[in-house]
């Protein structure tokens, strides 16, 4: 993981995504600020490709990616505060919920699920935006961490 140096005025820490580095990426893996981790995840496979199979497989990849991003950012699925779930077919919500309940511990975070006409990659059926609390100061990425990218 690469963590960019915090922005001096705002204290933002940008955590790069896991896997192959993409210098053309338009977003950080997550942004940590004010004790919260903010991220958006897509159904990305470990090799960096996008999972475009069925909703169950894509949902499994969403939670594997989300767990990884949160862990690299000093949080976990247990610390989720809110999820926004974007589905290209709201009928897929039941299957998504089955996978969700297998990965996210109770008590569940607040959440919103909505149907969108399309997502950024053809064949992608789900995307999730999440906010989670940091697990504690000892886990917070810092500028002294080996996870940094100094500019």
Foldseek 3Di string as FASTA:
>chain_A
DAWEAADVPFRKIFAAFDEDDDPPDPGGQWIDGPQKIKHKDWLADNNGDHDLDDPLSRLLSRLVRVQVSQQLAQHGLAFWAEKEKEFQDCVCVVSSVVSVPVRHDPPHHHYHYDYDNDDDDPSGGMMMITMGGHPDPVRHDHPVDPNYDYD
